[in-house]
Amino acid sequence: MTADETAAEETATGGTAAEEAFEEVRVGLARLLADLPRLPSALRVQARDVAIEVTWDAPAAPEVAAGAEVAAGAEVAAGAEVAAPPALPSAPQQSDAGLLHVVAPTVGVFYRAPEPGAAPFVDVGTVVESGEQVAIVEAMKLFLPVEAERRGRVAAVLVQDGASVEYGEPLLALEPIEA
């Protein structure tokens, strides 16, 4: 099918196939970014012949992983060093006072509510279940859900709404509640 035929088909169908494909890519990229140890400086996605390229600015003192493996199909420039990703924080983090911390899944902007003017996902005193969404972190125009890892009562909101957060930064403190 030629590009003109594809464009004509999308126009005839209201572009729903293209919109669905775009939504799948958007959701996949959100998952990819959420799983990365930190946000990349560049992200390139190519549809034909499938290519995803993630680039980070070089850290001041990179640690080279001995025997690091590169994913199938990935290209590494000759002589390039493969840096080991930073260690993932344990989620949830346990504080000295027996509180659990819900941490930022990535670098971004913290939001307590699903949209401006809406009620926050949780307030101090709210009981949350494991897997329940408690906030959002916006990263590169993607809104990533922040979920509680365990059941608990919100003891404190540690970050101001609209504040910039770092990967692994505690956002909420939970008092553990046994089931």
Protein backbone atom coordinates (compact mmCIF):
# COMPACT_ATOMS: atom_id res chain seq x y z
CA MET A 1 0.00 0.00 0.00
CA THR A 2 1.40 3.39 -0.96
CA ALA A 3 1.63 6.36 1.40
CA ASP A 4 -1.21 8.07 -0.50
CA GLU A 5 -3.43 4.98 -0.16
CA THR A 6 -2.62 4.76 3.55
CA ALA A 7 -3.45 8.45 4.04
CA ALA A 8 -6.69 8.03 2.09
CA GLU A 9 -7.65 4.99 4.20
CA GLU A 10 -6.91 6.84 7.46
CA THR A 11 -8.98 9.80 6.25
CA ALA A 12 -11.85 7.47 5.35
CA THR A 13 -11.72 5.68 8.72
CA GLY A 14 -11.25 8.85 10.73
CA GLY A 15 -7.62 7.97 11.46
CA THR A 16 -8.63 5.53 14.20
CA ALA A 17 -6.00 2.93 13.26
CA ALA A 18 -3.28 5.57 13.43
CA GLU A 19 -4.69 6.96 16.67
CA GLU A 20 -4.79 3.47 18.22
CA ALA A 21 -1.22 2.79 17.11
CA PHE A 22 -0.10 6.14 18.51
CA GLU A 23 -1.82 5.39 21.83
CA GLU A 24 -0.09 1.98 22.02
CA VAL A 25 3.28 3.63 21.38
CA ARG A 26 2.55 6.36 23.96
CA VAL A 27 1.61 3.80 26.63
CA GLY A 28 4.65 1.68 25.79
CA LEU A 29 6.94 4.69 26.05
CA ALA A 30 5.39 5.66 29.40
CA ARG A 31 6.12 2.14 30.69
CA LEU A 32 9.65 2.25 29.29
CA LEU A 33 10.36 5.62 30.91
CA ALA A 34 8.88 4.47 34.22
CA ASP A 35 11.21 1.45 34.25
CA LEU A 36 14.36 3.47 33.50
CA PRO A 37 16.62 4.38 36.43
CA ARG A 38 16.59 8.04 35.33
CA LEU A 39 15.23 10.08 32.44
CA PRO A 40 17.31 10.05 29.27
CA SER A 41 18.62 13.21 27.61
CA ALA A 42 17.18 11.94 24.31
CA LEU A 43 14.68 9.31 23.19
CA ARG A 44 14.26 8.30 19.54
CA VAL A 45 11.52 5.99 18.32
CA GLN A 46 11.28 4.69 14.74
CA ALA A 47 8.27 2.77 13.42
CA ARG A 48 9.59 1.02 10.29
CA ASP A 49 12.35 -1.54 10.91
CA VAL A 50 11.74 -0.97 14.66
CA ALA A 51 14.33 1.16 16.46
CA ILE A 52 14.31 2.58 19.97
CA GLU A 53 17.30 4.64 21.02
CA VAL A 54 17.75 5.96 24.56
CA THR A 55 20.60 8.36 25.29
CA TRP A 56 21.87 9.73 28.59
CA ASP A 57 24.33 12.55 29.11
CA ALA A 58 27.56 11.00 30.33
CA PRO A 59 27.83 11.04 34.13
CA ALA A 60 30.87 12.73 35.69
CA ALA A 61 32.51 9.41 36.60
CA PRO A 62 30.88 6.50 34.73
CA GLU A 63 31.07 3.03 36.17
CA VAL A 64 31.73 0.44 33.52
CA ALA A 65 29.95 -2.85 33.99
CA ALA A 66 32.34 -5.71 33.46
CA GLY A 67 30.89 -8.10 30.92
CA ALA A 68 27.81 -5.90 30.42
CA GLU A 69 25.53 -7.27 27.74
CA VAL A 70 23.83 -5.16 25.08
CA ALA A 71 20.25 -5.96 24.06
CA ALA A 72 19.79 -7.77 20.77
CA GLY A 73 19.73 -5.39 17.82
CA ALA A 74 21.26 -2.51 19.79
CA GLU A 75 24.27 -0.78 18.31
CA VAL A 76 27.20 0.43 20.38
CA ALA A 77 29.89 2.63 18.89
CA ALA A 78 33.34 1.08 18.73
CA GLY A 79 35.23 1.71 21.94
CA ALA A 80 32.10 2.89 23.75
CA GLU A 81 31.77 2.05 27.42
CA VAL A 82 28.55 0.59 28.78
CA ALA A 83 27.69 2.17 32.12
CA ALA A 84 25.91 0.20 34.81
CA PRO A 85 22.55 1.71 35.75
CA PRO A 86 22.27 3.12 39.26
CA ALA A 87 20.87 0.78 41.87
CA LEU A 88 17.11 0.87 42.17
CA PRO A 89 15.73 2.08 45.48
CA SER A 90 13.75 -0.49 47.39
CA ALA A 91 10.11 0.42 47.12
CA PRO A 92 8.62 1.12 49.49
CA GLN A 93 11.46 2.47 51.61
CA GLN A 94 11.27 1.89 55.36
CA SER A 95 12.08 4.85 57.62
CA ASP A 96 13.34 4.72 61.22
CA ALA A 97 9.89 5.66 62.55
CA GLY A 98 8.31 2.55 61.00
CA LEU A 99 6.74 4.51 58.13
CA LEU A 100 6.87 3.32 54.53
CA HIS A 101 7.73 5.80 51.78
CA VAL A 102 6.09 5.87 48.37
CA VAL A 103 8.87 7.07 46.07
CA ALA A 104 9.01 8.87 42.72
CA PRO A 105 9.22 6.40 39.82
CA THR A 106 11.26 8.89 37.77
CA VAL A 107 12.51 12.46 37.64
CA GLY A 108 9.64 14.83 36.94
CA VAL A 109 6.94 17.02 38.44
CA PHE A 110 4.79 15.69 41.30
CA TYR A 111 1.01 16.14 41.19
CA ARG A 112 -1.40 15.09 43.94
CA ALA A 113 -4.53 15.28 41.74
CA PRO A 114 -5.44 13.85 38.33
CA GLU A 115 -5.99 17.35 36.91
CA PRO A 116 -5.87 20.97 38.08
CA GLY A 117 -8.74 21.81 40.42
CA ALA A 118 -9.62 18.16 41.07
CA ALA A 119 -9.55 16.53 44.49
CA PRO A 120 -6.21 14.91 45.36
CA PHE A 121 -5.85 11.15 44.98
CA VAL A 122 -5.17 10.88 48.74
CA ASP A 123 -4.99 13.08 51.83
CA VAL A 124 -3.40 12.55 55.23
CA GLY A 125 -5.44 9.84 56.95
CA THR A 126 -6.56 8.11 53.74
CA VAL A 127 -6.17 4.32 53.79
CA VAL A 128 -4.63 3.05 50.55
CA GLU A 129 -4.35 -0.47 49.20
CA SER A 130 -1.37 -2.06 47.49
CA GLY A 131 -1.35 -0.99 43.84
CA GLU A 132 -3.67 2.00 44.40
CA GLN A 133 -2.73 5.19 42.56
CA VAL A 134 -1.78 7.92 45.03
CA ALA A 135 -0.26 10.60 42.77
CA ILE A 136 1.17 11.39 39.31
CA VAL A 137 4.68 12.30 38.18
CA GLU A 138 4.88 14.12 34.86
CA ALA A 139 8.00 13.31 32.86
CA MET A 140 8.55 14.57 29.32
CA LYS A 141 4.81 15.29 28.87
CA LEU A 142 3.92 11.77 30.04
CA PHE A 143 1.86 11.36 33.20
CA LEU A 144 3.12 8.34 35.11
CA PRO A 145 1.00 6.92 37.93
CA VAL A 146 2.52 6.67 41.40
CA GLU A 147 1.14 3.63 43.23
CA ALA A 148 1.33 2.45 46.81
CA GLU A 149 3.41 -0.70 47.17
CA ARG A 150 1.68 -1.80 50.40
CA ARG A 151 -1.52 -1.20 52.29
CA GLY A 152 -1.29 1.71 54.69
CA ARG A 153 -2.64 4.99 56.03
CA VAL A 154 -1.19 8.21 54.58
CA ALA A 155 0.77 9.77 57.45
CA ALA A 156 2.28 12.68 55.49
CA VAL A 157 2.56 14.17 52.03
CA LEU A 158 6.29 14.93 51.81
CA VAL A 159 6.36 16.93 48.57
CA GLN A 160 4.44 20.05 47.58
CA ASP A 161 2.03 19.75 44.64
CA GLY A 162 3.74 20.87 41.42
CA ALA A 163 7.26 20.44 42.83
CA SER A 164 10.11 18.87 40.88
CA VAL A 165 11.14 15.46 42.19
CA GLU A 166 14.10 13.16 41.69
CA TYR A 167 14.01 9.44 40.97
CA GLY A 168 13.52 7.51 44.22
CA GLU A 169 12.62 10.64 46.24
CA PRO A 170 10.08 9.92 49.01
CA LEU A 171 6.70 11.47 48.10
CA LEU A 172 4.34 10.09 50.75
CA ALA A 173 4.80 8.46 54.14
CA LEU A 174 2.48 5.55 54.98
CA GLU A 175 1.77 3.90 58.31
CA PRO A 176 1.65 0.16 57.51
CA ILE A 177 -1.71 -1.53 58.10
CA GLU A 178 -1.87 -5.30 58.21
CA ALA A 179 -4.64 -6.91 56.19
